[in-house]
PDB file of N, CA and C in Angstrom:
ATOM      1  N   MET A   1      47.068  60.640 190.847  1.00  0.00           N
ATOM      2  CA  MET A   1      48.208  60.706 189.926  1.00  0.00           C
ATOM      3  C   MET A   1      49.391  61.380 190.641  1.00  0.00           C
ATOM      4  N   THR A   2      50.512  60.726 190.627  1.00  0.00           N
ATOM      5  CA  THR A   2      51.689  61.287 191.299  1.00  0.00           C
ATOM      6  C   THR A   2      52.309  62.387 190.446  1.00  0.00           C
ATOM      7  N   ASN A   3      53.193  63.159 191.075  1.00  0.00           N
ATOM      8  CA  ASN A   3      53.910  64.195 190.329  1.00  0.00           C
ATOM      9  C   ASN A   3      54.703  63.581 189.186  1.00  0.00           C
ATOM     10  N   ARG A   4      55.292  62.417 189.458  1.00  0.00           N
ATOM     11  CA  ARG A   4      56.096  61.767 188.423  1.00  0.00           C
ATOM     12  C   ARG A   4      55.221  61.376 187.235  1.00  0.00           C
ATOM     13  N   GLU A   5      54.036  60.846 187.527  1.00  0.00           N
ATOM     14  CA  GLU A   5      53.117  60.471 186.453  1.00  0.00           C
ATOM     15  C   GLU A   5      52.661  61.700 185.667  1.00  0.00           C
ATOM     16  N   LYS A   6      52.417  62.789 186.391  1.00  0.00           N
ATOM     17  CA  LYS A   6      52.027  64.031 185.718  1.00  0.00           C
ATOM     18  C   LYS A   6      53.152  64.522 184.814  1.00  0.00           C
ATOM     19  N   THR A   7      54.380  64.453 185.332  1.00  0.00           N
ATOM     20  CA  THR A   7      55.535  64.892 184.549  1.00  0.00           C
ATOM     21  C   THR A   7      55.685  64.042 183.294  1.00  0.00           C
ATOM     22  N   CYS A   8      55.527  62.732 183.443  1.00  0.00           N
ATOM     23  CA  CYS A   8      55.648  61.833 182.287  1.00  0.00           C
ATOM     24  C   CYS A   8      54.561  62.118 181.256  1.00  0.00           C
ATOM     25  N   ALA A   9      53.337  62.333 181.740  1.00  0.00           N
ATOM     26  CA  ALA A   9      52.233  62.633 180.828  1.00  0.00           C
ATOM     27  C   ALA A   9      52.502  63.941 180.092  1.00  0.00           C
ATOM     28  N   HIS A  10      52.998  64.923 180.818  1.00  0.00           N
ATOM     29  CA  HIS A  10      53.312  66.214 180.209  1.00  0.00           C
ATOM     30  C   HIS A  10      54.414  66.047 179.159  1.00  0.00           C
ATOM     31  N   CYS A  11      55.415  65.236 179.504  1.00  0.00           N
ATOM     32  CA  CYS A  11      56.515  65.000 178.569  1.00  0.00           C
ATOM     33  C   CYS A  11      56.006  64.302 177.306  1.00  0.00           C
ATOM     34  N   ASP A  12      55.099  63.345 177.478  1.00  0.00           N
ATOM     35  CA  ASP A  12      54.507  62.656 176.327  1.00  0.00           C
ATOM     36  C   ASP A  12      53.741  63.641 175.443  1.00  0.00           C
ATOM     37  N   GLU A  13      53.017  64.558 176.082  1.00  0.00           N
ATOM     38  CA  GLU A  13      52.286  65.573 175.320  1.00  0.00           C
ATOM     39  C   GLU A  13      53.247  66.457 174.539  1.00  0.00           C
ATOM     40  N   LEU A  14      54.340  66.848 175.185  1.00  0.00           N
ATOM     41  CA  LEU A  14      55.337  67.683 174.505  1.00  0.00           C
ATOM     42  C   LEU A  14      55.978  66.933 173.340  1.00  0.00           C
ATOM     43  N   ALA A  15      56.241  65.653 173.542  1.00  0.00           N
ATOM     44  CA  ALA A  15      56.840  64.850 172.476  1.00  0.00           C
ATOM     45  C   ALA A  15      55.887  64.749 171.285  1.00  0.00           C
ATOM     46  N   ALA A  16      54.602  64.566 171.570  1.00  0.00           N
ATOM     47  CA  ALA A  16      53.610  64.483 170.498  1.00  0.00           C
ATOM     48  C   ALA A  16      53.504  65.820 169.769  1.00  0.00           C
ATOM     49  N   GLU A  17      53.501  66.905 170.519  1.00  0.00           N
ATOM     50  CA  GLU A  17      53.437  68.236 169.915  1.00  0.00           C
ATOM     51  C   GLU A  17      54.684  68.499 169.073  1.00  0.00           C
ATOM     52  N   ASN A  18      55.831  68.083 169.573  1.00  0.00           N
ATOM     53  CA  ASN A  18      57.075  68.252 168.841  1.00  0.00           C
ATOM     54  C   ASN A  18      57.030  67.504 167.508  1.00  0.00           C
ATOM     55  N   GLU A  19      56.471  66.298 167.538  1.00  0.00           N
ATOM     56  CA  GLU A  19      56.362  65.509 166.309  1.00  0.00           C
ATOM     57  C   GLU A  19      55.418  66.185 165.314  1.00  0.00           C
ATOM     58  N   ARG A  20      54.309  66.727 165.812  1.00  0.00           N
ATOM     59  CA  ARG A  20      53.385  67.444 164.922  1.00  0.00           C
ATOM     60  C   ARG A  20      54.073  68.652 164.300  1.00  0.00           C
ATOM     61  N   LEU A  21      54.826  69.387 165.114  1.00  0.00           N
ATOM     62  CA  LEU A  21      55.541  70.556 164.597  1.00  0.00           C
ATOM     63  C   LEU A  21      56.600  70.151 163.578  1.00  0.00           C
ATOM     64  N   ARG A  22      57.267  69.032 163.846  1.00  0.00           N
ATOM     65  CA  ARG A  22      58.292  68.551 162.925  1.00  0.00           C
ATOM     66  C   ARG A  22      57.670  68.218 161.565  1.00  0.00           C
ATOM     67  N   GLN A  23      56.518  67.557 161.605  1.00  0.00           N
ATOM     68  CA  GLN A  23      55.837  67.207 160.359  1.00  0.00           C
ATOM     69  C   GLN A  23      55.343  68.448 159.637  1.00  0.00           C
ATOM     70  N   THR A  24      54.819  69.411 160.403  1.00  0.00           N
ATOM     71  CA  THR A  24      54.357  70.664 159.803  1.00  0.00           C
ATOM     72  C   THR A  24      55.521  71.403 159.145  1.00  0.00           C
ATOM     73  N   THR A  25      56.653  71.435 159.829  1.00  0.00           N
ATOM     74  CA  THR A  25      57.847  72.082 159.284  1.00  0.00           C
ATOM     75  C   THR A  25      58.261  71.416 157.980  1.00  0.00           C
ATOM     76  N   HIS A  26      58.212  70.091 157.954  1.00  0.00           N
ATOM     77  CA  HIS A  26      58.579  69.347 156.747  1.00  0.00           C
ATOM     78  C   HIS A  26      57.661  69.732 155.584  1.00  0.00           C
ATOM     79  N   VAL A  27      56.358  69.808 155.858  1.00  0.00           N
ATOM     80  CA  VAL A  27      55.386  70.179 154.828  1.00  0.00           C
ATOM     81  C   VAL A  27      55.639  71.601 154.335  1.00  0.00           C
ATOM     82  N   LEU A  28      55.890  72.524 155.279  1.00  0.00           N
ATOM     83  CA  LEU A  28      56.123  73.915 154.893  1.00  0.00           C
ATOM     84  C   LEU A  28      57.407  74.070 154.089  1.00  0.00           C
ATOM     85  N   LEU A  29      58.451  73.350 154.476  1.00  0.00           N
ATOM     86  CA  LEU A  29      59.706  73.424 153.730  1.00  0.00           C
ATOM     87  C   LEU A  29      59.529  72.877 152.319  1.00  0.00           C
ATOM     88  N   ALA A  30      58.772  71.797 152.183  1.00  0.00           N
ATOM     89  CA  ALA A  30      58.525  71.226 150.860  1.00  0.00           C
ATOM     90  C   ALA A  30      57.719  72.203 150.003  1.00  0.00           C
ATOM     91  N   ALA A  31      56.701  72.820 150.594  1.00  0.00           N
ATOM     92  CA  ALA A  31      55.892  73.794 149.859  1.00  0.00           C
ATOM     93  C   ALA A  31      56.732  75.008 149.478  1.00  0.00           C
ATOM     94  N   ASN A  32      57.591  75.438 150.387  1.00  0.00           N
ATOM     95  CA  ASN A  32      58.467  76.570 150.124  1.00  0.00           C
ATOM     96  C   ASN A  32      59.408  76.262 148.955  1.00  0.00           C
ATOM     97  N   GLN A  33      59.921  75.048 148.921  1.00  0.00           N
ATOM     98  CA  GLN A  33      60.823  74.661 147.837  1.00  0.00           C
ATOM     99  C   GLN A  33      60.089  74.656 146.500  1.00  0.00           C
ATOM    100  N   ARG A  34      58.850  74.152 146.504  1.00  0.00           N
ATOM    101  CA  ARG A  34      58.060  74.159 145.263  1.00  0.00           C
ATOM    102  C   ARG A  34      57.809  75.591 144.802  1.00  0.00           C
ATOM    103  N   LEU A  35      57.542  76.473 145.764  1.00  0.00           N
ATOM    104  CA  LEU A  35      57.314  77.879 145.433  1.00  0.00           C
ATOM    105  C   LEU A  35      58.570  78.501 144.837  1.00  0.00           C
ATOM    106  N   LEU A  36      59.714  78.234 145.461  1.00  0.00           N
ATOM    107  CA  LEU A  36      60.978  78.766 144.937  1.00  0.00           C
ATOM    108  C   LEU A  36      61.265  78.221 143.545  1.00  0.00           C
ATOM    109  N   ASP A  37      60.975  76.931 143.336  1.00  0.00           N
ATOM    110  CA  ASP A  37      61.171  76.335 142.012  1.00  0.00           C
ATOM    111  C   ASP A  37      60.278  77.023 140.982  1.00  0.00           C
ATOM    112  N   ALA A  38      59.025  77.274 141.361  1.00  0.00           N
ATOM    113  CA  ALA A  38      58.088  77.926 140.444  1.00  0.00           C
ATOM    114  C   ALA A  38      58.549  79.339 140.112  1.00  0.00           C
ATOM    115  N   ILE A  39      59.027  80.061 141.118  1.00  0.00           N
ATOM    116  CA  ILE A  39      59.531  81.421 140.889  1.00  0.00           C
ATOM    117  C   ILE A  39      60.754  81.383 139.973  1.00  0.00           C
ATOM    118  N   ALA A  40      61.625  80.416 140.197  1.00  0.00           N
ATOM    119  CA  ALA A  40      62.823  80.300 139.359  1.00  0.00           C
ATOM    120  C   ALA A  40      62.440  80.055 137.905  1.00  0.00           C
ATOM    121  N   VAL A  41      61.467  79.181 137.678  1.00  0.00           N
ATOM    122  CA  VAL A  41      61.008  78.892 136.317  1.00  0.00           C
ATOM    123  C   VAL A  41      60.346  80.125 135.706  1.00  0.00           C
ATOM    124  N   TRP A  42      59.553  80.824 136.518  1.00  0.00           N
ATOM    125  CA  TRP A  42      58.806  81.976 136.040  1.00  0.00           C
ATOM    126  C   TRP A  42      59.731  83.141 135.693  1.00  0.00           C
ATOM    127  N   THR A  43      60.791  83.330 136.484  1.00  0.00           N
ATOM    128  CA  THR A  43      61.675  84.478 136.267  1.00  0.00           C
ATOM    129  C   THR A  43      62.844  84.155 135.342  1.00  0.00           C
ATOM    130  N   TYR A  44      63.071  82.877 135.064  1.00  0.00           N
ATOM    131  CA  TYR A  44      64.243  82.485 134.277  1.00  0.00           C
ATOM    132  C   TYR A  44      64.350  83.211 132.934  1.00  0.00           C
ATOM    133  N   PRO A  45      63.263  83.291 132.151  1.00  0.00           N
ATOM    134  CA  PRO A  45      63.394  83.942 130.828  1.00  0.00           C
ATOM    135  C   PRO A  45      63.749  85.421 130.907  1.00  0.00           C
ATOM    136  N   THR A  46      63.500  86.067 132.056  1.00  0.00           N
ATOM    137  CA  THR A  46      63.740  87.509 132.156  1.00  0.00           C
ATOM    138  C   THR A  46      65.155  87.830 132.617  1.00  0.00           C
ATOM    139  N   ILE A  47      65.917  86.795 133.004  1.00  0.00           N
ATOM    140  CA  ILE A  47      67.281  87.035 133.473  1.00  0.00           C
ATOM    141  C   ILE A  47      68.196  87.231 132.252  1.00  0.00           C
ATOM    142  N   PRO A  48      68.910  88.357 132.189  1.00  0.00           N
ATOM    143  CA  PRO A  48      69.806  88.586 131.041  1.00  0.00           C
ATOM    144  C   PRO A  48      70.878  87.508 130.964  1.00  0.00           C
ATOM    145  N   ASN A  49      71.187  87.091 129.762  1.00  0.00           N
ATOM    146  CA  ASN A  49      72.184  86.038 129.576  1.00  0.00           C
ATOM    147  C   ASN A  49      73.524  86.684 129.272  1.00  0.00           C
ATOM    148  N   ASN A  50      74.287  86.974 130.326  1.00  0.00           N
ATOM    149  CA  ASN A  50      75.587  87.629 130.137  1.00  0.00           C
ATOM    150  C   ASN A  50      76.682  86.594 130.040  1.00  0.00           C
TER     151      ASN A  50
END
């Protein structure tokens, strides 16, 4: 395997890892938004209506 082939393989691995991280980030952001929505609903009645 040449250095160039090794570099390309490494780059492909990084690209795949980046895609996995991107998907994980998307899932975490969606879960975070649901959590914030739930907190907003839960705390809404306790907020004084000025």
